[in-house]
Structures are given as structure tokens and as C-alpha cells.
Amino acid sequence: MSAPQEDQDPQAPLSPQAQDAASAGGASPSPGATEGQSAIPEDNLGALLTEAQAKIADYHDQLLRAHAEVENVRRRAQDDVSKARKFGTESFAESLIPVRDSLEAALAHGDQSVEDWQKGVESTLRQLNNAFERNQMHEIAPAPGDAFDPHRHQAISTMPSEHAEGTVAQTLQKGYLIADRVLRPALVMVSAGQA
């Protein structure tokens, strides 16, 4: 009968034969390397680091350029808004200069007949209407019986009329649009139906 084997202490040093067997089984992996991976040589690490630093510098440069471009666009937009505020009425003002010239010329000739004054005023009104048309300014002048539009008309009160209830009975003052925006609504009386 053979003697029972004693359990070996894991902390106990290996015998010389066990050490030879362990070394024959293969070298232990180098520190930092995992199973199945080989360690990267140090000269390759330096190249990878240099490449990563170059990419970071390039991305930083691109970021700075993009930031500068956004600032330029913002500044240009502010300049455009400022110029639009200052000179947005330039076209309209140019259209009104001949109207003013005509009015001053009419006042300079005080010895005109009533007919001449009337012709001059009519001519000046035509100039003013042309200036309005060139600058997309249009009248809001609803006729009696037109539908009441609260976006373009301002009702002062109601009155009995022969027109349907809720329609325009009378226009007291014209309104004006510039493009599609109401500058001043037309002042109207609204029909309350037949008396």
C-alpha cells in the first residue's frame, strides 16, 4: 500500500523538477499583455502618440476656424439688420421726393387759379399713388356690403343699413397694407341689419 499524498501548500516553493516543468510549458506573458495579444513595441507607441497628437491639433484648428466663421456670420447678420433698419425706407423715400417737389412748387406760385391748383393737386396725388404702388403699399377701402374682416378693418360701431348683418355698412377712413402687412386698418361702421 502506498502512503497517502499530502496536500501541497500553495505558498510552498516549487521543487526544481516542478520549476523545469513550468518553464517547459511556456513563458509567462509579459506584464500589460493580455492573453491572445502581443505587446506593442515601444517605438510604435511613440509613433501612435505623435499621430494622435497631430490629429488633436488638426481638430483643434478646425474647431477654431469653425468658431471664427460662426462669429463672422453673426457679425455680418447684425450688420445686415442694422443696414436694413437704417436704409429700409430708402426706396420709399426716393419715391416721395418728387411728391414733395410738386407740393413746394404749388406753394411757390400763389397767384394760380383754382383750376390750376386742382390740376396740380391731382398730379401730386398721382405721383403719391405711384410711389405707393412701387413700394407695394395698397389701400384697404371696403365697399358697403363687403364682408367685415377683423384683421383689416376696425369697427367703430354698428348701424342699421340695407346690407346684411355683420358686413361693412360705411367706410370712415381708408386703411393701408404694405405687402401683406396691415399698416393701418380701415375704420368702418358695421351693419346691424335692416332697420
N, C-alpha and C. Protein backbone atom coordinates (compact mmCIF):
# COMPACT_ATOMS: atom_id res chain seq x y z
N MET A 1 0.83 -1.16 0.00
CA MET A 1 0.00 0.00 0.00
C MET A 1 0.87 1.22 0.00
N SER A 2 0.49 2.17 -0.83
CA SER A 2 1.31 3.39 -0.88
C SER A 2 0.78 4.38 0.11
N ALA A 3 1.65 5.25 0.59
CA ALA A 3 1.27 6.25 1.59
C ALA A 3 0.43 7.32 0.93
N PRO A 4 -0.57 7.82 1.62
CA PRO A 4 -1.41 8.87 1.04
C PRO A 4 -0.58 10.12 0.77
N GLN A 5 -0.98 10.79 -0.35
CA GLN A 5 -0.24 12.01 -0.72
C GLN A 5 -0.65 13.14 0.17
N GLU A 6 0.29 13.89 0.59
CA GLU A 6 -0.01 15.04 1.42
C GLU A 6 -0.39 16.21 0.52
N ASP A 7 -1.35 16.95 0.99
CA ASP A 7 -1.73 18.16 0.22
C ASP A 7 -0.59 19.14 0.25
N GLN A 8 -0.31 19.71 -0.95
CA GLN A 8 0.80 20.67 -1.01
C GLN A 8 0.29 22.06 -0.67
N ASP A 9 1.11 22.79 0.03
CA ASP A 9 0.79 24.17 0.38
C ASP A 9 1.01 25.03 -0.86
N PRO A 10 0.01 25.81 -1.28
CA PRO A 10 0.20 26.64 -2.48
C PRO A 10 1.30 27.66 -2.31
N GLN A 11 1.61 28.04 -1.08
CA GLN A 11 2.65 29.02 -0.83
C GLN A 11 4.04 28.40 -0.83
N ALA A 12 4.09 27.08 -0.78
CA ALA A 12 5.39 26.40 -0.69
C ALA A 12 6.14 26.53 -1.99
N PRO A 13 7.46 26.67 -1.92
CA PRO A 13 8.25 26.80 -3.14
C PRO A 13 8.22 25.51 -3.94
N LEU A 14 8.29 25.69 -5.27
CA LEU A 14 8.27 24.52 -6.16
C LEU A 14 9.61 23.83 -6.12
N SER A 15 9.52 22.54 -6.31
CA SER A 15 10.77 21.78 -6.39
C SER A 15 11.45 22.08 -7.71
N PRO A 16 12.73 21.78 -7.82
CA PRO A 16 13.43 22.07 -9.07
C PRO A 16 12.79 21.37 -10.26
N GLN A 17 12.26 20.15 -10.07
CA GLN A 17 11.63 19.45 -11.18
C GLN A 17 10.34 20.16 -11.61
N ALA A 18 9.58 20.65 -10.62
CA ALA A 18 8.34 21.37 -10.94
C ALA A 18 8.62 22.67 -11.66
N GLN A 19 9.72 23.34 -11.27
CA GLN A 19 10.09 24.58 -11.94
C GLN A 19 10.44 24.32 -13.39
N ASP A 20 11.17 23.21 -13.66
CA ASP A 20 11.53 22.87 -15.03
C ASP A 20 10.29 22.57 -15.85
N ALA A 21 9.30 21.90 -15.26
CA ALA A 21 8.08 21.55 -15.97
C ALA A 21 7.30 22.82 -16.31
N ALA A 22 7.27 23.76 -15.37
CA ALA A 22 6.53 25.00 -15.60
C ALA A 22 7.17 25.82 -16.71
N SER A 23 8.53 25.83 -16.72
CA SER A 23 9.20 26.61 -17.76
C SER A 23 9.09 25.93 -19.11
N ALA A 24 8.96 24.63 -19.14
CA ALA A 24 8.82 23.91 -20.40
C ALA A 24 7.44 24.17 -21.00
N GLY A 25 6.47 24.45 -20.14
CA GLY A 25 5.10 24.68 -20.61
C GLY A 25 4.94 25.99 -21.34
N GLY A 26 5.84 26.88 -21.25
CA GLY A 26 5.76 28.16 -21.97
C GLY A 26 6.11 29.30 -21.07
N ALA A 27 6.55 30.37 -21.66
CA ALA A 27 6.94 31.56 -20.90
C ALA A 27 5.70 32.26 -20.41
N SER A 28 5.80 32.87 -19.28
CA SER A 28 4.67 33.62 -18.76
C SER A 28 4.53 34.91 -19.58
N PRO A 29 3.28 35.36 -19.75
CA PRO A 29 3.08 36.57 -20.56
C PRO A 29 3.74 37.78 -19.93
N SER A 30 4.11 38.69 -20.79
CA SER A 30 4.76 39.90 -20.29
C SER A 30 3.74 40.77 -19.58
N PRO A 31 4.17 41.56 -18.63
CA PRO A 31 3.22 42.42 -17.91
C PRO A 31 2.53 43.37 -18.88
N GLY A 32 1.21 43.57 -18.68
CA GLY A 32 0.44 44.50 -19.51
C GLY A 32 -0.14 43.84 -20.73
N ALA A 33 0.29 42.64 -21.09
CA ALA A 33 -0.26 41.97 -22.26
C ALA A 33 -1.33 41.01 -21.80
N THR A 34 -2.39 40.94 -22.54
CA THR A 34 -3.46 40.00 -22.21
C THR A 34 -3.32 38.77 -23.06
N GLU A 35 -4.07 37.77 -22.70
CA GLU A 35 -3.98 36.51 -23.43
C GLU A 35 -4.42 36.74 -24.86
N GLY A 36 -3.70 36.25 -25.83
CA GLY A 36 -4.03 36.39 -27.24
C GLY A 36 -3.52 37.67 -27.85
N GLN A 37 -3.00 38.61 -27.08
CA GLN A 37 -2.48 39.86 -27.63
C GLN A 37 -0.98 39.91 -27.42
N SER A 38 -0.35 40.53 -28.38
CA SER A 38 1.10 40.72 -28.20
C SER A 38 1.34 42.14 -27.73
N ALA A 39 2.37 42.36 -27.02
CA ALA A 39 2.70 43.70 -26.54
C ALA A 39 3.16 44.56 -27.71
N ILE A 40 2.78 45.89 -27.70
CA ILE A 40 3.19 46.81 -28.77
C ILE A 40 4.58 47.29 -28.43
N PRO A 41 5.46 47.21 -29.40
CA PRO A 41 6.81 47.70 -29.14
C PRO A 41 6.80 49.18 -28.79
N GLU A 42 7.75 49.61 -27.99
CA GLU A 42 7.78 50.99 -27.52
C GLU A 42 7.96 52.00 -28.64
N ASP A 43 8.68 51.69 -29.69
CA ASP A 43 8.86 52.65 -30.78
C ASP A 43 7.55 52.87 -31.53
N ASN A 44 6.67 51.85 -31.59
CA ASN A 44 5.35 52.02 -32.20
C ASN A 44 4.45 52.89 -31.32
N LEU A 45 4.57 52.79 -30.03
CA LEU A 45 3.79 53.63 -29.11
C LEU A 45 4.11 55.11 -29.33
N GLY A 46 5.38 55.39 -29.53
CA GLY A 46 5.78 56.77 -29.78
C GLY A 46 5.17 57.29 -31.08
N ALA A 47 5.15 56.46 -32.11
CA ALA A 47 4.56 56.86 -33.40
C ALA A 47 3.06 57.08 -33.26
N LEU A 48 2.38 56.18 -32.54
CA LEU A 48 0.94 56.32 -32.33
C LEU A 48 0.62 57.59 -31.54
N LEU A 49 1.43 57.87 -30.53
CA LEU A 49 1.23 59.08 -29.73
C LEU A 49 1.40 60.33 -30.60
N THR A 50 2.43 60.35 -31.42
CA THR A 50 2.68 61.50 -32.30
C THR A 50 1.51 61.69 -33.27
N GLU A 51 1.00 60.57 -33.83
CA GLU A 51 -0.11 60.64 -34.77
C GLU A 51 -1.37 61.15 -34.07
N ALA A 52 -1.64 60.66 -32.85
CA ALA A 52 -2.81 61.11 -32.09
C ALA A 52 -2.70 62.59 -31.76
N GLN A 53 -1.52 63.05 -31.38
CA GLN A 53 -1.33 64.47 -31.06
C GLN A 53 -1.52 65.33 -32.31
N ALA A 54 -1.09 64.84 -33.47
CA ALA A 54 -1.28 65.60 -34.72
C ALA A 54 -2.76 65.71 -35.05
N LYS A 55 -3.51 64.62 -34.85
CA LYS A 55 -4.96 64.66 -35.11
C LYS A 55 -5.65 65.63 -34.16
N ILE A 56 -5.27 65.60 -32.90
CA ILE A 56 -5.86 66.52 -31.92
C ILE A 56 -5.58 67.97 -32.31
N ALA A 57 -4.37 68.26 -32.73
CA ALA A 57 -4.02 69.62 -33.15
C ALA A 57 -4.85 70.02 -34.37
N ASP A 58 -5.05 69.08 -35.31
CA ASP A 58 -5.84 69.36 -36.51
C ASP A 58 -7.30 69.64 -36.15
N TYR A 59 -7.87 68.80 -35.26
CA TYR A 59 -9.25 69.01 -34.84
C TYR A 59 -9.41 70.34 -34.10
N HIS A 60 -8.42 70.68 -33.29
CA HIS A 60 -8.47 71.96 -32.56
C HIS A 60 -8.43 73.13 -33.54
N ASP A 61 -7.60 73.01 -34.56
CA ASP A 61 -7.52 74.06 -35.58
C ASP A 61 -8.85 74.19 -36.32
N GLN A 62 -9.47 73.04 -36.67
CA GLN A 62 -10.76 73.07 -37.35
C GLN A 62 -11.83 73.71 -36.46
N LEU A 63 -11.79 73.39 -35.19
CA LEU A 63 -12.75 73.97 -34.25
C LEU A 63 -12.60 75.49 -34.17
N LEU A 64 -11.36 75.96 -34.10
CA LEU A 64 -11.12 77.41 -34.03
C LEU A 64 -11.59 78.10 -35.30
N ARG A 65 -11.34 77.47 -36.45
CA ARG A 65 -11.78 78.05 -37.73
C ARG A 65 -13.31 78.10 -37.81
N ALA A 66 -13.97 77.02 -37.38
CA ALA A 66 -15.44 76.99 -37.40
C ALA A 66 -16.00 78.06 -36.46
N HIS A 67 -15.40 78.21 -35.30
CA HIS A 67 -15.85 79.24 -34.35
C HIS A 67 -15.69 80.64 -34.96
N ALA A 68 -14.57 80.87 -35.62
CA ALA A 68 -14.34 82.18 -36.26
C ALA A 68 -15.35 82.42 -37.37
N GLU A 69 -15.67 81.37 -38.14
CA GLU A 69 -16.64 81.53 -39.22
C GLU A 69 -18.03 81.84 -38.68
N VAL A 70 -18.41 81.18 -37.60
CA VAL A 70 -19.71 81.47 -36.97
C VAL A 70 -19.75 82.91 -36.48
N GLU A 71 -18.67 83.38 -35.89
CA GLU A 71 -18.60 84.77 -35.43
C GLU A 71 -18.74 85.75 -36.60
N ASN A 72 -18.08 85.43 -37.71
CA ASN A 72 -18.17 86.29 -38.90
C ASN A 72 -19.60 86.33 -39.44
N VAL A 73 -20.25 85.17 -39.49
CA VAL A 73 -21.64 85.11 -39.99
C VAL A 73 -22.54 85.91 -39.06
N ARG A 74 -22.36 85.76 -37.74
CA ARG A 74 -23.18 86.50 -36.78
C ARG A 74 -22.98 88.01 -36.93
N ARG A 75 -21.73 88.44 -37.10
CA ARG A 75 -21.43 89.87 -37.24
C ARG A 75 -22.03 90.41 -38.54
N ARG A 76 -21.91 89.61 -39.64
CA ARG A 76 -22.49 90.06 -40.91
C ARG A 76 -24.01 90.18 -40.81
N ALA A 77 -24.64 89.23 -40.12
CA ALA A 77 -26.10 89.28 -39.96
C ALA A 77 -26.51 90.51 -39.16
N GLN A 78 -25.76 90.83 -38.11
CA GLN A 78 -26.06 92.03 -37.33
C GLN A 78 -25.89 93.29 -38.18
N ASP A 79 -24.85 93.32 -39.02
CA ASP A 79 -24.65 94.47 -39.91
C ASP A 79 -25.80 94.60 -40.90
N ASP A 80 -26.26 93.46 -41.44
CA ASP A 80 -27.36 93.48 -42.41
C ASP A 80 -28.64 93.99 -41.76
N VAL A 81 -28.90 93.54 -40.52
CA VAL A 81 -30.10 94.00 -39.83
C VAL A 81 -30.00 95.50 -39.54
N SER A 82 -28.83 95.95 -39.15
CA SER A 82 -28.63 97.37 -38.87
C SER A 82 -28.83 98.21 -40.13
N LYS A 83 -28.26 97.74 -41.24
CA LYS A 83 -28.43 98.47 -42.51
C LYS A 83 -29.89 98.47 -42.96
N ALA A 84 -30.57 97.33 -42.76
CA ALA A 84 -31.98 97.26 -43.15
C ALA A 84 -32.81 98.25 -42.35
N ARG A 85 -32.48 98.40 -41.06
CA ARG A 85 -33.21 99.38 -40.24
C ARG A 85 -32.94 100.80 -40.72
N LYS A 86 -31.66 101.07 -41.03
CA LYS A 86 -31.30 102.44 -41.43
C LYS A 86 -31.82 102.78 -42.82
N PHE A 87 -31.66 101.83 -43.76
CA PHE A 87 -31.92 102.16 -45.15
C PHE A 87 -33.12 101.42 -45.74
N GLY A 88 -33.93 100.78 -44.89
CA GLY A 88 -35.09 100.04 -45.37
C GLY A 88 -36.12 100.93 -46.04
N THR A 89 -36.17 102.18 -45.65
CA THR A 89 -37.15 103.11 -46.23
C THR A 89 -36.56 103.92 -47.38
N GLU A 90 -35.33 103.61 -47.77
CA GLU A 90 -34.66 104.40 -48.81
C GLU A 90 -35.46 104.45 -50.11
N SER A 91 -35.94 103.29 -50.57
CA SER A 91 -36.70 103.25 -51.83
C SER A 91 -37.98 104.07 -51.71
N PHE A 92 -38.67 103.91 -50.58
CA PHE A 92 -39.90 104.66 -50.38
C PHE A 92 -39.63 106.16 -50.31
N ALA A 93 -38.55 106.54 -49.63
CA ALA A 93 -38.19 107.95 -49.51
C ALA A 93 -37.87 108.55 -50.88
N GLU A 94 -37.14 107.79 -51.71
CA GLU A 94 -36.83 108.27 -53.06
C GLU A 94 -38.11 108.50 -53.87
N SER A 95 -39.12 107.65 -53.65
CA SER A 95 -40.38 107.81 -54.37
C SER A 95 -41.16 109.03 -53.91
N LEU A 96 -40.93 109.46 -52.66
CA LEU A 96 -41.68 110.60 -52.12
C LEU A 96 -41.04 111.96 -52.45
N ILE A 97 -39.79 111.96 -52.85
CA ILE A 97 -39.13 113.24 -53.15
C ILE A 97 -39.85 114.02 -54.24
N PRO A 98 -40.26 113.40 -55.37
CA PRO A 98 -41.00 114.18 -56.39
C PRO A 98 -42.32 114.73 -55.87
N VAL A 99 -42.96 114.01 -54.96
CA VAL A 99 -44.23 114.49 -54.38
C VAL A 99 -43.97 115.76 -53.60
N ARG A 100 -42.92 115.77 -52.79
CA ARG A 100 -42.58 116.97 -52.04
C ARG A 100 -42.23 118.13 -52.98
N ASP A 101 -41.45 117.82 -54.04
CA ASP A 101 -41.10 118.87 -55.02
C ASP A 101 -42.35 119.50 -55.61
N SER A 102 -43.34 118.67 -55.95
CA SER A 102 -44.58 119.19 -56.54
C SER A 102 -45.34 120.07 -55.56
N LEU A 103 -45.39 119.65 -54.29
CA LEU A 103 -46.10 120.45 -53.29
C LEU A 103 -45.40 121.79 -53.07
N GLU A 104 -44.06 121.76 -53.02
CA GLU A 104 -43.33 123.02 -52.85
C GLU A 104 -43.52 123.94 -54.05
N ALA A 105 -43.54 123.37 -55.26
CA ALA A 105 -43.75 124.19 -56.46
C ALA A 105 -45.14 124.81 -56.45
N ALA A 106 -46.14 124.04 -55.99
CA ALA A 106 -47.51 124.58 -55.93
C ALA A 106 -47.59 125.74 -54.94
N LEU A 107 -46.89 125.62 -53.81
CA LEU A 107 -46.93 126.69 -52.81
C LEU A 107 -46.13 127.91 -53.25
N ALA A 108 -45.17 127.71 -54.12
CA ALA A 108 -44.33 128.83 -54.58
C ALA A 108 -45.10 129.75 -55.53
N HIS A 109 -46.13 129.19 -56.20
CA HIS A 109 -46.91 130.01 -57.14
C HIS A 109 -48.27 130.32 -56.51
N GLY A 110 -48.32 131.40 -55.77
CA GLY A 110 -49.55 131.76 -55.05
C GLY A 110 -50.62 132.39 -55.92
N ASP A 111 -50.28 132.80 -57.15
CA ASP A 111 -51.25 133.50 -58.00
C ASP A 111 -51.94 132.57 -58.98
N GLN A 112 -52.10 131.31 -58.64
CA GLN A 112 -52.73 130.35 -59.54
C GLN A 112 -54.24 130.37 -59.38
N SER A 113 -54.91 129.98 -60.44
CA SER A 113 -56.37 129.88 -60.36
C SER A 113 -56.75 128.59 -59.62
N VAL A 114 -58.01 128.49 -59.25
CA VAL A 114 -58.50 127.31 -58.54
C VAL A 114 -58.34 126.07 -59.41
N GLU A 115 -58.57 126.23 -60.72
CA GLU A 115 -58.44 125.09 -61.65
C GLU A 115 -56.99 124.61 -61.70
N ASP A 116 -56.05 125.55 -61.74
CA ASP A 116 -54.63 125.17 -61.77
C ASP A 116 -54.23 124.46 -60.48
N TRP A 117 -54.74 124.98 -59.35
CA TRP A 117 -54.45 124.33 -58.06
C TRP A 117 -54.98 122.89 -58.08
N GLN A 118 -56.21 122.74 -58.58
CA GLN A 118 -56.81 121.40 -58.59
C GLN A 118 -56.01 120.45 -59.48
N LYS A 119 -55.59 120.94 -60.65
CA LYS A 119 -54.78 120.09 -61.53
C LYS A 119 -53.46 119.71 -60.87
N GLY A 120 -52.86 120.68 -60.19
CA GLY A 120 -51.59 120.40 -59.50
C GLY A 120 -51.75 119.37 -58.39
N VAL A 121 -52.84 119.51 -57.63
CA VAL A 121 -53.10 118.56 -56.54
C VAL A 121 -53.36 117.17 -57.12
N GLU A 122 -54.12 117.08 -58.18
CA GLU A 122 -54.39 115.78 -58.81
C GLU A 122 -53.11 115.13 -59.33
N SER A 123 -52.25 115.96 -59.92
CA SER A 123 -50.96 115.44 -60.41
C SER A 123 -50.09 114.94 -59.25
N THR A 124 -50.09 115.69 -58.17
CA THR A 124 -49.31 115.28 -56.99
C THR A 124 -49.86 114.00 -56.39
N LEU A 125 -51.19 113.87 -56.36
CA LEU A 125 -51.81 112.65 -55.85
C LEU A 125 -51.43 111.45 -56.73
N ARG A 126 -51.39 111.64 -58.03
CA ARG A 126 -50.95 110.55 -58.92
C ARG A 126 -49.51 110.14 -58.61
N GLN A 127 -48.65 111.12 -58.39
CA GLN A 127 -47.26 110.81 -58.02
C GLN A 127 -47.21 110.00 -56.72
N LEU A 128 -48.03 110.41 -55.75
CA LEU A 128 -48.06 109.71 -54.47
C LEU A 128 -48.57 108.27 -54.64
N ASN A 129 -49.62 108.11 -55.45
CA ASN A 129 -50.14 106.76 -55.70
C ASN A 129 -49.10 105.88 -56.39
N ASN A 130 -48.34 106.45 -57.33
CA ASN A 130 -47.27 105.70 -58.00
C ASN A 130 -46.19 105.29 -57.00
N ALA A 131 -45.87 106.19 -56.07
CA ALA A 131 -44.88 105.86 -55.04
C ALA A 131 -45.39 104.71 -54.17
N PHE A 132 -46.67 104.74 -53.82
CA PHE A 132 -47.25 103.66 -53.03
C PHE A 132 -47.18 102.33 -53.79
N GLU A 133 -47.55 102.35 -55.05
CA GLU A 133 -47.55 101.12 -55.85
C GLU A 133 -46.14 100.54 -55.99
N ARG A 134 -45.16 101.40 -56.25
CA ARG A 134 -43.77 100.91 -56.39
C ARG A 134 -43.27 100.25 -55.12
N ASN A 135 -43.80 100.67 -53.97
CA ASN A 135 -43.35 100.13 -52.69
C ASN A 135 -44.36 99.17 -52.07
N GLN A 136 -45.24 98.60 -52.90
CA GLN A 136 -46.21 97.59 -52.51
C GLN A 136 -47.13 98.05 -51.38
N MET A 137 -47.49 99.31 -51.42
CA MET A 137 -48.41 99.85 -50.43
C MET A 137 -49.77 99.99 -51.08
N HIS A 138 -50.79 99.37 -50.47
CA HIS A 138 -52.13 99.34 -51.08
C HIS A 138 -53.18 99.81 -50.08
N GLU A 139 -54.25 100.35 -50.64
CA GLU A 139 -55.37 100.83 -49.82
C GLU A 139 -56.21 99.66 -49.32
N ILE A 140 -56.79 99.85 -48.15
CA ILE A 140 -57.87 98.97 -47.67
C ILE A 140 -59.10 99.87 -47.64
N ALA A 141 -59.97 99.70 -48.61
CA ALA A 141 -61.15 100.56 -48.71
C ALA A 141 -62.35 99.68 -49.02
N PRO A 142 -62.92 99.03 -48.00
CA PRO A 142 -64.05 98.14 -48.26
C PRO A 142 -65.29 98.93 -48.69
N ALA A 143 -66.00 98.35 -49.64
CA ALA A 143 -67.24 98.97 -50.12
C ALA A 143 -68.39 98.52 -49.22
N PRO A 144 -69.47 99.32 -49.15
CA PRO A 144 -70.64 98.90 -48.37
C PRO A 144 -71.12 97.53 -48.85
N GLY A 145 -71.35 96.63 -47.90
CA GLY A 145 -71.79 95.28 -48.24
C GLY A 145 -70.67 94.26 -48.25
N ASP A 146 -69.40 94.72 -48.24
CA ASP A 146 -68.27 93.79 -48.19
C ASP A 146 -68.23 93.10 -46.82
N ALA A 147 -67.70 91.91 -46.78
CA ALA A 147 -67.58 91.17 -45.52
C ALA A 147 -66.64 91.92 -44.58
N PHE A 148 -66.99 91.94 -43.31
CA PHE A 148 -66.15 92.57 -42.30
C PHE A 148 -64.97 91.63 -42.01
N ASP A 149 -63.75 92.16 -42.11
CA ASP A 149 -62.53 91.38 -41.84
C ASP A 149 -61.83 92.00 -40.63
N PRO A 150 -61.88 91.33 -39.47
CA PRO A 150 -61.29 91.94 -38.27
C PRO A 150 -59.78 92.11 -38.36
N HIS A 151 -59.13 91.43 -39.31
CA HIS A 151 -57.69 91.58 -39.49
C HIS A 151 -57.34 92.84 -40.28
N ARG A 152 -58.29 93.34 -41.07
CA ARG A 152 -58.02 94.51 -41.90
C ARG A 152 -58.93 95.69 -41.59
N HIS A 153 -59.99 95.46 -40.87
CA HIS A 153 -60.96 96.52 -40.57
C HIS A 153 -61.07 96.70 -39.06
N GLN A 154 -61.31 97.94 -38.67
CA GLN A 154 -61.57 98.23 -37.26
C GLN A 154 -62.98 98.81 -37.17
N ALA A 155 -63.85 98.10 -36.46
CA ALA A 155 -65.24 98.52 -36.34
C ALA A 155 -65.35 99.59 -35.26
N ILE A 156 -65.98 100.70 -35.62
CA ILE A 156 -66.20 101.79 -34.67
C ILE A 156 -67.52 101.54 -33.93
N SER A 157 -68.54 101.18 -34.69
CA SER A 157 -69.84 100.88 -34.10
C SER A 157 -70.69 100.17 -35.15
N THR A 158 -71.91 99.86 -34.78
CA THR A 158 -72.85 99.25 -35.73
C THR A 158 -73.91 100.28 -36.08
N MET A 159 -74.56 100.03 -37.21
CA MET A 159 -75.63 100.93 -37.64
C MET A 159 -76.61 100.15 -38.50
N PRO A 160 -77.86 100.52 -38.45
CA PRO A 160 -78.82 99.84 -39.32
C PRO A 160 -78.54 100.23 -40.78
N SER A 161 -78.63 99.24 -41.67
CA SER A 161 -78.44 99.52 -43.09
C SER A 161 -79.13 98.45 -43.91
N GLU A 162 -79.18 98.67 -45.22
CA GLU A 162 -79.83 97.69 -46.10
C GLU A 162 -78.93 96.48 -46.36
N HIS A 163 -77.70 96.51 -45.89
CA HIS A 163 -76.75 95.40 -46.11
C HIS A 163 -76.91 94.34 -45.03
N ALA A 164 -76.43 93.16 -45.33
CA ALA A 164 -76.56 92.03 -44.41
C ALA A 164 -75.86 92.34 -43.09
N GLU A 165 -76.38 91.76 -42.04
CA GLU A 165 -75.80 91.98 -40.71
C GLU A 165 -74.36 91.44 -40.68
N GLY A 166 -73.45 92.21 -40.07
CA GLY A 166 -72.05 91.80 -39.96
C GLY A 166 -71.19 92.19 -41.14
N THR A 167 -71.76 92.87 -42.14
CA THR A 167 -70.97 93.36 -43.27
C THR A 167 -70.64 94.83 -43.04
N VAL A 168 -69.80 95.37 -43.89
CA VAL A 168 -69.41 96.79 -43.80
C VAL A 168 -70.58 97.64 -44.28
N ALA A 169 -71.01 98.57 -43.44
CA ALA A 169 -72.09 99.49 -43.83
C ALA A 169 -71.51 100.78 -44.41
N GLN A 170 -70.39 101.24 -43.84
CA GLN A 170 -69.78 102.50 -44.30
C GLN A 170 -68.31 102.51 -43.92
N THR A 171 -67.46 103.03 -44.82
CA THR A 171 -66.03 103.19 -44.52
C THR A 171 -65.80 104.64 -44.13
N LEU A 172 -65.26 104.84 -42.92
CA LEU A 172 -65.00 106.19 -42.43
C LEU A 172 -63.59 106.66 -42.78
N GLN A 173 -62.63 105.73 -42.81
CA GLN A 173 -61.24 106.07 -43.13
C GLN A 173 -60.57 104.86 -43.77
N LYS A 174 -59.87 105.10 -44.88
CA LYS A 174 -59.16 104.01 -45.55
C LYS A 174 -58.04 103.48 -44.67
N GLY A 175 -57.75 102.21 -44.85
CA GLY A 175 -56.59 101.61 -44.22
C GLY A 175 -55.52 101.37 -45.26
N TYR A 176 -54.36 100.88 -44.83
CA TYR A 176 -53.25 100.64 -45.76
C TYR A 176 -52.51 99.35 -45.41
N LEU A 177 -52.08 98.68 -46.47
CA LEU A 177 -51.24 97.48 -46.37
C LEU A 177 -49.89 97.80 -46.99
N ILE A 178 -48.84 97.21 -46.46
CA ILE A 178 -47.56 97.22 -47.16
C ILE A 178 -47.21 95.75 -47.34
N ALA A 179 -47.12 95.33 -48.61
CA ALA A 179 -47.06 93.91 -48.97
C ALA A 179 -48.32 93.28 -48.39
N ASP A 180 -48.22 92.34 -47.46
CA ASP A 180 -49.42 91.73 -46.86
C ASP A 180 -49.61 92.14 -45.41
N ARG A 181 -48.85 93.12 -44.96
CA ARG A 181 -48.92 93.54 -43.55
C ARG A 181 -49.78 94.80 -43.42
N VAL A 182 -50.67 94.78 -42.43
CA VAL A 182 -51.56 95.93 -42.21
C VAL A 182 -50.78 97.03 -41.50
N LEU A 183 -50.71 98.20 -42.16
CA LEU A 183 -50.11 99.37 -41.52
C LEU A 183 -51.15 100.10 -40.68
N ARG A 184 -52.34 100.21 -41.26
CA ARG A 184 -53.44 100.85 -40.55
C ARG A 184 -54.73 100.20 -41.02
N PRO A 185 -55.54 99.69 -40.09
CA PRO A 185 -56.81 99.09 -40.53
C PRO A 185 -57.79 100.17 -40.97
N ALA A 186 -58.70 99.79 -41.82
CA ALA A 186 -59.76 100.72 -42.26
C ALA A 186 -60.77 100.88 -41.13
N LEU A 187 -61.19 102.12 -40.86
CA LEU A 187 -62.21 102.37 -39.85
C LEU A 187 -63.58 102.25 -40.51
N VAL A 188 -64.41 101.37 -39.98
CA VAL A 188 -65.69 101.10 -40.63
C VAL A 188 -66.83 101.09 -39.62
N MET A 189 -68.02 101.27 -40.16
CA MET A 189 -69.26 101.04 -39.42
C MET A 189 -69.79 99.70 -39.92
N VAL A 190 -70.23 98.86 -39.01
CA VAL A 190 -70.71 97.53 -39.36
C VAL A 190 -72.22 97.53 -39.37
N SER A 191 -72.78 96.82 -40.34
CA SER A 191 -74.24 96.77 -40.47
C SER A 191 -74.85 95.92 -39.36
N ALA A 192 -75.92 96.44 -38.78
CA ALA A 192 -76.66 95.70 -37.76
C ALA A 192 -77.90 95.09 -38.39
N GLY A 193 -78.00 95.12 -39.68
CA GLY A 193 -79.19 94.60 -40.37
C GLY A 193 -80.13 95.73 -40.70
N GLN A 194 -81.24 95.37 -41.31
CA GLN A 194 -82.19 96.41 -41.74
C GLN A 194 -82.98 96.96 -40.56
N ALA A 195 -83.21 98.25 -40.64
CA ALA A 195 -83.92 98.92 -39.54
C ALA A 195 -85.38 98.56 -39.54
